[in-house]
PDB file of N, CA and C in Angstrom:
ATOM      1  N   UNK A   1     -42.319 -51.435  34.496  1.00  0.00           N
ATOM      2  CA  UNK A   1     -41.102 -53.188  34.241  1.00  0.00           C
ATOM      3  C   UNK A   1     -40.986 -52.455  32.985  1.00  0.00           C
ATOM      4  N   UNK A   2     -39.596 -53.191  33.055  1.00  0.00           N
ATOM      5  CA  UNK A   2     -39.215 -53.202  31.281  1.00  0.00           C
ATOM      6  C   UNK A   2     -39.125 -54.165  30.844  1.00  0.00           C
ATOM      7  N   UNK A   3     -39.494 -54.241  29.337  1.00  0.00           N
ATOM      8  CA  UNK A   3     -40.102 -55.197  28.782  1.00  0.00           C
ATOM      9  C   UNK A   3     -38.282 -55.488  27.609  1.00  0.00           C
ATOM     10  N   UNK A   4     -38.509 -56.869  27.343  1.00  0.00           N
ATOM     11  CA  UNK A   4     -37.295 -57.075  26.698  1.00  0.00           C
ATOM     12  C   UNK A   4     -36.921 -56.219  25.629  1.00  0.00           C
ATOM     13  N   UNK A   5     -38.447 -56.367  24.744  1.00  0.00           N
ATOM     14  CA  UNK A   5     -37.981 -55.353  23.395  1.00  0.00           C
ATOM     15  C   UNK A   5     -37.776 -54.520  23.333  1.00  0.00           C
ATOM     16  N   UNK A   6     -37.950 -53.785  24.767  1.00  0.00           N
ATOM     17  CA  UNK A   6     -37.376 -52.524  25.230  1.00  0.00           C
ATOM     18  C   UNK A   6     -36.132 -52.180  25.883  1.00  0.00           C
ATOM     19  N   UNK A   7     -35.623 -53.178  26.192  1.00  0.00           N
ATOM     20  CA  UNK A   7     -33.883 -53.316  26.811  1.00  0.00           C
ATOM     21  C   UNK A   7     -32.583 -53.935  25.412  1.00  0.00           C
ATOM     22  N   UNK A   8     -33.731 -54.728  24.831  1.00  0.00           N
ATOM     23  CA  UNK A   8     -32.997 -54.733  23.388  1.00  0.00           C
ATOM     24  C   UNK A   8     -32.658 -53.475  22.364  1.00  0.00           C
ATOM     25  N   UNK A   9     -33.187 -53.119  22.394  1.00  0.00           N
ATOM     26  CA  UNK A   9     -33.694 -51.996  21.198  1.00  0.00           C
ATOM     27  C   UNK A   9     -31.844 -51.150  22.184  1.00  0.00           C
ATOM     28  N   UNK A  10     -32.016 -50.627  23.689  1.00  0.00           N
ATOM     29  CA  UNK A  10     -30.662 -50.482  24.031  1.00  0.00           C
ATOM     30  C   UNK A  10     -29.843 -51.095  23.928  1.00  0.00           C
ATOM     31  N   UNK A  11     -29.628 -51.898  23.685  1.00  0.00           N
ATOM     32  CA  UNK A  11     -28.560 -53.011  23.741  1.00  0.00           C
ATOM     33  C   UNK A  11     -27.669 -53.562  22.042  1.00  0.00           C
ATOM     34  N   UNK A  12     -28.732 -52.752  21.348  1.00  0.00           N
ATOM     35  CA  UNK A  12     -28.543 -53.062  19.866  1.00  0.00           C
ATOM     36  C   UNK A  12     -28.426 -51.771  19.230  1.00  0.00           C
ATOM     37  N   UNK A  13     -28.790 -50.843  19.947  1.00  0.00           N
ATOM     38  CA  UNK A  13     -28.443 -49.385  19.531  1.00  0.00           C
ATOM     39  C   UNK A  13     -27.177 -49.514  18.177  1.00  0.00           C
ATOM     40  N   UNK A  14     -27.410 -48.552  17.806  1.00  0.00           N
ATOM     41  CA  UNK A  14     -26.346 -48.294  16.924  1.00  0.00           C
ATOM     42  C   UNK A  14     -25.796 -46.754  16.674  1.00  0.00           C
ATOM     43  N   UNK A  15     -24.934 -46.201  16.789  1.00  0.00           N
ATOM     44  CA  UNK A  15     -23.851 -46.801  17.720  1.00  0.00           C
ATOM     45  C   UNK A  15     -24.396 -46.581  19.125  1.00  0.00           C
ATOM     46  N   UNK A  16     -23.766 -48.081  19.683  1.00  0.00           N
ATOM     47  CA  UNK A  16     -24.240 -48.457  21.318  1.00  0.00           C
ATOM     48  C   UNK A  16     -23.752 -47.162  22.154  1.00  0.00           C
ATOM     49  N   UNK A  17     -24.407 -46.830  22.883  1.00  0.00           N
ATOM     50  CA  UNK A  17     -24.871 -46.016  24.103  1.00  0.00           C
ATOM     51  C   UNK A  17     -24.807 -46.422  25.288  1.00  0.00           C
ATOM     52  N   UNK A  18     -23.650 -46.911  26.338  1.00  0.00           N
ATOM     53  CA  UNK A  18     -23.574 -46.885  27.419  1.00  0.00           C
ATOM     54  C   UNK A  18     -24.974 -46.792  28.330  1.00  0.00           C
ATOM     55  N   UNK A  19     -25.230 -47.706  28.705  1.00  0.00           N
ATOM     56  CA  UNK A  19     -26.558 -47.433  29.447  1.00  0.00           C
ATOM     57  C   UNK A  19     -26.750 -47.656  31.383  1.00  0.00           C
ATOM     58  N   UNK A  20     -27.544 -47.652  32.010  1.00  0.00           N
ATOM     59  CA  UNK A  20     -27.489 -47.673  33.817  1.00  0.00           C
ATOM     60  C   UNK A  20     -29.135 -48.178  34.033  1.00  0.00           C
ATOM     61  N   UNK A  21     -29.029 -49.558  34.702  1.00  0.00           N
ATOM     62  CA  UNK A  21     -30.268 -50.236  34.421  1.00  0.00           C
ATOM     63  C   UNK A  21     -30.804 -49.332  35.913  1.00  0.00           C
ATOM     64  N   UNK A  22     -31.851 -49.241  36.081  1.00  0.00           N
ATOM     65  CA  UNK A  22     -32.068 -48.783  37.622  1.00  0.00           C
ATOM     66  C   UNK A  22     -33.773 -49.464  37.758  1.00  0.00           C
ATOM     67  N   UNK A  23     -33.288 -50.126  39.302  1.00  0.00           N
ATOM     68  CA  UNK A  23     -34.271 -51.197  39.505  1.00  0.00           C
ATOM     69  C   UNK A  23     -35.135 -50.641  40.801  1.00  0.00           C
ATOM     70  N   UNK A  24     -36.490 -50.638  41.123  1.00  0.00           N
ATOM     71  CA  UNK A  24     -36.735 -50.509  42.199  1.00  0.00           C
ATOM     72  C   UNK A  24     -36.359 -50.508  43.888  1.00  0.00           C
ATOM     73  N   UNK A  25     -35.655 -51.082  44.063  1.00  0.00           N
ATOM     74  CA  UNK A  25     -34.672 -51.056  45.121  1.00  0.00           C
ATOM     75  C   UNK A  25     -33.760 -50.265  45.317  1.00  0.00           C
ATOM     76  N   UNK A  26     -33.417 -49.221  43.967  1.00  0.00           N
ATOM     77  CA  UNK A  26     -32.644 -48.582  44.526  1.00  0.00           C
ATOM     78  C   UNK A  26     -31.527 -48.640  43.750  1.00  0.00           C
ATOM     79  N   UNK A  27     -31.126 -50.364  43.093  1.00  0.00           N
ATOM     80  CA  UNK A  27     -29.866 -50.577  42.880  1.00  0.00           C
ATOM     81  C   UNK A  27     -29.749 -49.965  41.229  1.00  0.00           C
ATOM     82  N   UNK A  28     -28.376 -50.117  41.258  1.00  0.00           N
ATOM     83  CA  UNK A  28     -28.184 -49.997  39.355  1.00  0.00           C
ATOM     84  C   UNK A  28     -27.214 -50.977  38.960  1.00  0.00           C
ATOM     85  N   UNK A  29     -26.915 -51.334  37.619  1.00  0.00           N
ATOM     86  CA  UNK A  29     -26.247 -51.428  37.041  1.00  0.00           C
ATOM     87  C   UNK A  29     -26.136 -50.916  35.823  1.00  0.00           C
ATOM     88  N   UNK A  30     -24.678 -50.758  35.110  1.00  0.00           N
ATOM     89  CA  UNK A  30     -24.011 -49.824  34.396  1.00  0.00           C
ATOM     90  C   UNK A  30     -23.889 -50.770  33.461  1.00  0.00           C
ATOM     91  N   UNK A  31     -24.363 -50.619  32.063  1.00  0.00           N
ATOM     92  CA  UNK A  31     -24.021 -51.915  30.817  1.00  0.00           C
ATOM     93  C   UNK A  31     -22.965 -50.576  29.965  1.00  0.00           C
ATOM     94  N   UNK A  32     -21.818 -50.704  29.875  1.00  0.00           N
ATOM     95  CA  UNK A  32     -21.014 -50.051  29.139  1.00  0.00           C
ATOM     96  C   UNK A  32     -20.625 -51.203  27.440  1.00  0.00           C
ATOM     97  N   UNK A  33     -21.032 -52.562  28.052  1.00  0.00           N
ATOM     98  CA  UNK A  33     -21.101 -52.934  26.072  1.00  0.00           C
ATOM     99  C   UNK A  33     -22.194 -53.610  26.018  1.00  0.00           C
ATOM    100  N   UNK A  34     -22.788 -54.106  25.037  1.00  0.00           N
ATOM    101  CA  UNK A  34     -23.796 -54.867  24.691  1.00  0.00           C
ATOM    102  C   UNK A  34     -23.442 -56.375  24.875  1.00  0.00           C
ATOM    103  N   UNK A  35     -22.388 -56.968  24.674  1.00  0.00           N
ATOM    104  CA  UNK A  35     -21.814 -57.953  25.055  1.00  0.00           C
ATOM    105  C   UNK A  35     -22.073 -58.234  26.781  1.00  0.00           C
ATOM    106  N   UNK A  36     -22.443 -57.367  27.601  1.00  0.00           N
ATOM    107  CA  UNK A  36     -22.733 -57.627  29.047  1.00  0.00           C
ATOM    108  C   UNK A  36     -23.774 -58.181  29.385  1.00  0.00           C
ATOM    109  N   UNK A  37     -24.672 -58.161  28.737  1.00  0.00           N
ATOM    110  CA  UNK A  37     -26.415 -58.247  28.582  1.00  0.00           C
ATOM    111  C   UNK A  37     -26.554 -59.901  27.985  1.00  0.00           C
ATOM    112  N   UNK A  38     -27.045 -60.536  28.822  1.00  0.00           N
ATOM    113  CA  UNK A  38     -27.562 -61.628  28.213  1.00  0.00           C
ATOM    114  C   UNK A  38     -29.680 -61.716  28.419  1.00  0.00           C
ATOM    115  N   UNK A  39     -30.491 -60.587  27.884  1.00  0.00           N
ATOM    116  CA  UNK A  39     -31.630 -60.732  27.720  1.00  0.00           C
ATOM    117  C   UNK A  39     -32.444 -61.923  27.838  1.00  0.00           C
ATOM    118  N   UNK A  40     -33.547 -62.363  28.576  1.00  0.00           N
ATOM    119  CA  UNK A  40     -33.927 -63.599  28.484  1.00  0.00           C
ATOM    120  C   UNK A  40     -35.650 -63.147  28.713  1.00  0.00           C
ATOM    121  N   UNK A  41     -36.005 -64.127  28.761  1.00  0.00           N
ATOM    122  CA  UNK A  41     -37.892 -63.310  28.591  1.00  0.00           C
ATOM    123  C   UNK A  41     -38.522 -62.845  29.830  1.00  0.00           C
ATOM    124  N   UNK A  42     -38.324 -63.210  31.075  1.00  0.00           N
ATOM    125  CA  UNK A  42     -38.516 -62.204  32.162  1.00  0.00           C
ATOM    126  C   UNK A  42     -37.402 -61.743  33.335  1.00  0.00           C
ATOM    127  N   UNK A  43     -36.233 -62.097  32.756  1.00  0.00           N
ATOM    128  CA  UNK A  43     -34.759 -61.519  33.659  1.00  0.00           C
ATOM    129  C   UNK A  43     -34.091 -61.147  32.530  1.00  0.00           C
ATOM    130  N   UNK A  44     -32.666 -60.673  33.077  1.00  0.00           N
ATOM    131  CA  UNK A  44     -31.409 -59.826  32.298  1.00  0.00           C
ATOM    132  C   UNK A  44     -30.457 -60.690  33.329  1.00  0.00           C
ATOM    133  N   UNK A  45     -29.685 -61.406  32.285  1.00  0.00           N
ATOM    134  CA  UNK A  45     -28.004 -61.310  32.819  1.00  0.00           C
ATOM    135  C   UNK A  45     -27.638 -60.086  33.224  1.00  0.00           C
ATOM    136  N   UNK A  46     -26.490 -59.479  33.390  1.00  0.00           N
ATOM    137  CA  UNK A  46     -25.930 -58.615  33.727  1.00  0.00           C
ATOM    138  C   UNK A  46     -24.691 -58.676  33.767  1.00  0.00           C
ATOM    139  N   UNK A  47     -23.288 -58.948  33.339  1.00  0.00           N
ATOM    140  CA  UNK A  47     -21.997 -59.474  33.887  1.00  0.00           C
ATOM    141  C   UNK A  47     -21.225 -58.535  33.492  1.00  0.00           C
ATOM    142  N   UNK A  48     -20.692 -59.249  34.939  1.00  0.00           N
ATOM    143  CA  UNK A  48     -19.230 -58.127  36.016  1.00  0.00           C
ATOM    144  C   UNK A  48     -18.172 -57.544  34.204  1.00  0.00           C
ATOM    145  N   UNK A  49     -17.772 -56.750  34.776  1.00  0.00           N
ATOM    146  CA  UNK A  49     -16.280 -56.390  34.072  1.00  0.00           C
ATOM    147  C   UNK A  49     -15.094 -56.103  35.108  1.00  0.00           C
ATOM    148  N   UNK A  50     -13.867 -56.560  35.143  1.00  0.00           N
ATOM    149  CA  UNK A  50     -13.094 -57.029  36.143  1.00  0.00           C
ATOM    150  C   UNK A  50     -12.217 -55.236  36.253  1.00  0.00           C
ATOM    151  N   UNK A  51     -12.507 -54.958  36.999  1.00  0.00           N
ATOM    152  CA  UNK A  51     -11.782 -53.420  37.083  1.00  0.00           C
ATOM    153  C   UNK A  51     -10.369 -53.480  36.773  1.00  0.00           C
ATOM    154  N   UNK A  52      -9.723 -54.507  37.199  1.00  0.00           N
ATOM    155  CA  UNK A  52      -8.052 -54.463  36.936  1.00  0.00           C
ATOM    156  C   UNK A  52      -8.227 -54.755  35.335  1.00  0.00           C
ATOM    157  N   UNK A  53      -9.120 -55.541  34.910  1.00  0.00           N
ATOM    158  CA  UNK A  53      -8.538 -55.711  32.857  1.00  0.00           C
ATOM    159  C   UNK A  53      -9.149 -55.409  32.220  1.00  0.00           C
ATOM    160  N   UNK A  54     -10.205 -54.722  32.966  1.00  0.00           N
ATOM    161  CA  UNK A  54     -11.520 -54.355  32.164  1.00  0.00           C
ATOM    162  C   UNK A  54     -12.046 -55.014  31.040  1.00  0.00           C
ATOM    163  N   UNK A  55     -11.693 -56.463  31.150  1.00  0.00           N
ATOM    164  CA  UNK A  55     -12.574 -57.597  30.635  1.00  0.00           C
ATOM    165  C   UNK A  55     -13.899 -57.871  31.208  1.00  0.00           C
ATOM    166  N   UNK A  56     -14.497 -58.349  31.094  1.00  0.00           N
ATOM    167  CA  UNK A  56     -15.977 -59.526  31.210  1.00  0.00           C
ATOM    168  C   UNK A  56     -15.356 -60.758  31.833  1.00  0.00           C
ATOM    169  N   UNK A  57     -15.634 -61.305  33.186  1.00  0.00           N
ATOM    170  CA  UNK A  57     -15.563 -61.887  33.670  1.00  0.00           C
ATOM    171  C   UNK A  57     -16.880 -63.155  33.649  1.00  0.00           C
ATOM    172  N   UNK A  58     -16.485 -64.131  34.388  1.00  0.00           N
ATOM    173  CA  UNK A  58     -17.560 -64.720  34.550  1.00  0.00           C
ATOM    174  C   UNK A  58     -19.028 -65.086  35.987  1.00  0.00           C
ATOM    175  N   UNK A  59     -18.307 -63.750  36.671  1.00  0.00           N
ATOM    176  CA  UNK A  59     -19.238 -63.204  37.076  1.00  0.00           C
ATOM    177  C   UNK A  59     -20.552 -62.637  36.813  1.00  0.00           C
ATOM    178  N   UNK A  60     -22.107 -62.269  37.384  1.00  0.00           N
ATOM    179  CA  UNK A  60     -23.220 -61.800  36.675  1.00  0.00           C
ATOM    180  C   UNK A  60     -24.088 -61.968  37.877  1.00  0.00           C
ATOM    181  N   UNK A  61     -25.367 -61.112  37.495  1.00  0.00           N
ATOM    182  CA  UNK A  61     -25.677 -60.809  38.630  1.00  0.00           C
ATOM    183  C   UNK A  61     -27.933 -61.529  37.430  1.00  0.00           C
ATOM    184  N   UNK A  62     -28.662 -61.473  38.112  1.00  0.00           N
ATOM    185  CA  UNK A  62     -29.872 -61.923  37.398  1.00  0.00           C
ATOM    186  C   UNK A  62     -29.999 -61.236  37.853  1.00  0.00           C
ATOM    187  N   UNK A  63     -31.233 -59.894  36.899  1.00  0.00           N
ATOM    188  CA  UNK A  63     -31.945 -58.979  37.330  1.00  0.00           C
ATOM    189  C   UNK A  63     -33.605 -59.172  36.818  1.00  0.00           C
ATOM    190  N   UNK A  64     -34.028 -59.486  38.096  1.00  0.00           N
ATOM    191  CA  UNK A  64     -35.872 -59.313  37.043  1.00  0.00           C
ATOM    192  C   UNK A  64     -36.231 -58.119  36.294  1.00  0.00           C
ATOM    193  N   UNK A  65     -36.920 -58.467  35.210  1.00  0.00           N
ATOM    194  CA  UNK A  65     -37.500 -57.319  34.165  1.00  0.00           C
ATOM    195  C   UNK A  65     -38.468 -56.557  34.830  1.00  0.00           C
ATOM    196  N   UNK A  66     -39.217 -57.387  35.720  1.00  0.00           N
ATOM    197  CA  UNK A  66     -40.039 -56.627  36.630  1.00  0.00           C
ATOM    198  C   UNK A  66     -40.184 -55.555  37.726  1.00  0.00           C
ATOM    199  N   UNK A  67     -38.690 -55.689  37.967  1.00  0.00           N
ATOM    200  CA  UNK A  67     -38.250 -54.785  39.212  1.00  0.00           C
ATOM    201  C   UNK A  67     -37.835 -54.050  38.735  1.00  0.00           C
ATOM    202  N   UNK A  68     -37.487 -53.731  37.185  1.00  0.00           N
ATOM    203  CA  UNK A  68     -36.618 -52.457  36.524  1.00  0.00           C
ATOM    204  C   UNK A  68     -37.256 -51.421  36.559  1.00  0.00           C
ATOM    205  N   UNK A  69     -37.267 -50.490  36.876  1.00  0.00           N
ATOM    206  CA  UNK A  69     -37.945 -49.458  36.652  1.00  0.00           C
ATOM    207  C   UNK A  69     -37.455 -49.058  35.388  1.00  0.00           C
ATOM    208  N   UNK A  70     -36.484 -48.349  35.129  1.00  0.00           N
ATOM    209  CA  UNK A  70     -35.877 -47.484  33.995  1.00  0.00           C
ATOM    210  C   UNK A  70     -34.885 -47.613  33.758  1.00  0.00           C
ATOM    211  N   UNK A  71     -34.744 -47.105  32.313  1.00  0.00           N
ATOM    212  CA  UNK A  71     -32.815 -47.154  31.589  1.00  0.00           C
ATOM    213  C   UNK A  71     -32.646 -45.488  31.523  1.00  0.00           C
ATOM    214  N   UNK A  72     -31.427 -45.289  31.713  1.00  0.00           N
ATOM    215  CA  UNK A  72     -30.360 -44.029  31.166  1.00  0.00           C
ATOM    216  C   UNK A  72     -29.359 -44.473  31.066  1.00  0.00           C
ATOM    217  N   UNK A  73     -29.581 -43.177  29.860  1.00  0.00           N
ATOM    218  CA  UNK A  73     -27.901 -43.254  29.226  1.00  0.00           C
ATOM    219  C   UNK A  73     -26.828 -42.779  29.968  1.00  0.00           C
ATOM    220  N   UNK A  74     -25.620 -43.415  30.028  1.00  0.00           N
ATOM    221  CA  UNK A  74     -25.063 -42.816  30.945  1.00  0.00           C
ATOM    222  C   UNK A  74     -23.569 -41.433  30.344  1.00  0.00           C
ATOM    223  N   UNK A  75     -23.321 -40.630  30.588  1.00  0.00           N
ATOM    224  CA  UNK A  75     -22.634 -39.677  30.081  1.00  0.00           C
ATOM    225  C   UNK A  75     -21.003 -39.793  29.526  1.00  0.00           C
ATOM    226  N   UNK A  76     -20.932 -39.849  28.496  1.00  0.00           N
ATOM    227  CA  UNK A  76     -19.250 -39.683  28.418  1.00  0.00           C
ATOM    228  C   UNK A  76     -18.816 -38.897  28.948  1.00  0.00           C
ATOM    229  N   UNK A  77     -17.627 -40.294  29.344  1.00  0.00           N
ATOM    230  CA  UNK A  77     -16.438 -39.210  29.999  1.00  0.00           C
ATOM    231  C   UNK A  77     -15.718 -38.176  29.347  1.00  0.00           C
ATOM    232  N   UNK A  78     -15.703 -37.874  28.336  1.00  0.00           N
ATOM    233  CA  UNK A  78     -15.261 -36.610  27.360  1.00  0.00           C
ATOM    234  C   UNK A  78     -15.775 -35.427  27.614  1.00  0.00           C
ATOM    235  N   UNK A  79     -16.947 -35.728  27.935  1.00  0.00           N
ATOM    236  CA  UNK A  79     -18.249 -34.552  28.427  1.00  0.00           C
ATOM    237  C   UNK A  79     -17.529 -33.534  29.128  1.00  0.00           C
TER     238      UNK A  79
END
């Protein structure tokens, strides 16, 4: 289970490093910018990026923090 405080630590890191949320179901969500998240008490909203414009859309997924197993940093494309 992920706590809101732990997730805030990833979202507010300086400098920000993109990360991936791993759910118990096996699904993953990539967070490439801190504004893609809205962290609530027991869940998190992950906003989607439009692949064609690279901008956030009005679409999001609600994820239970209780079902979030882990977080891992995404590797830079330049490495």
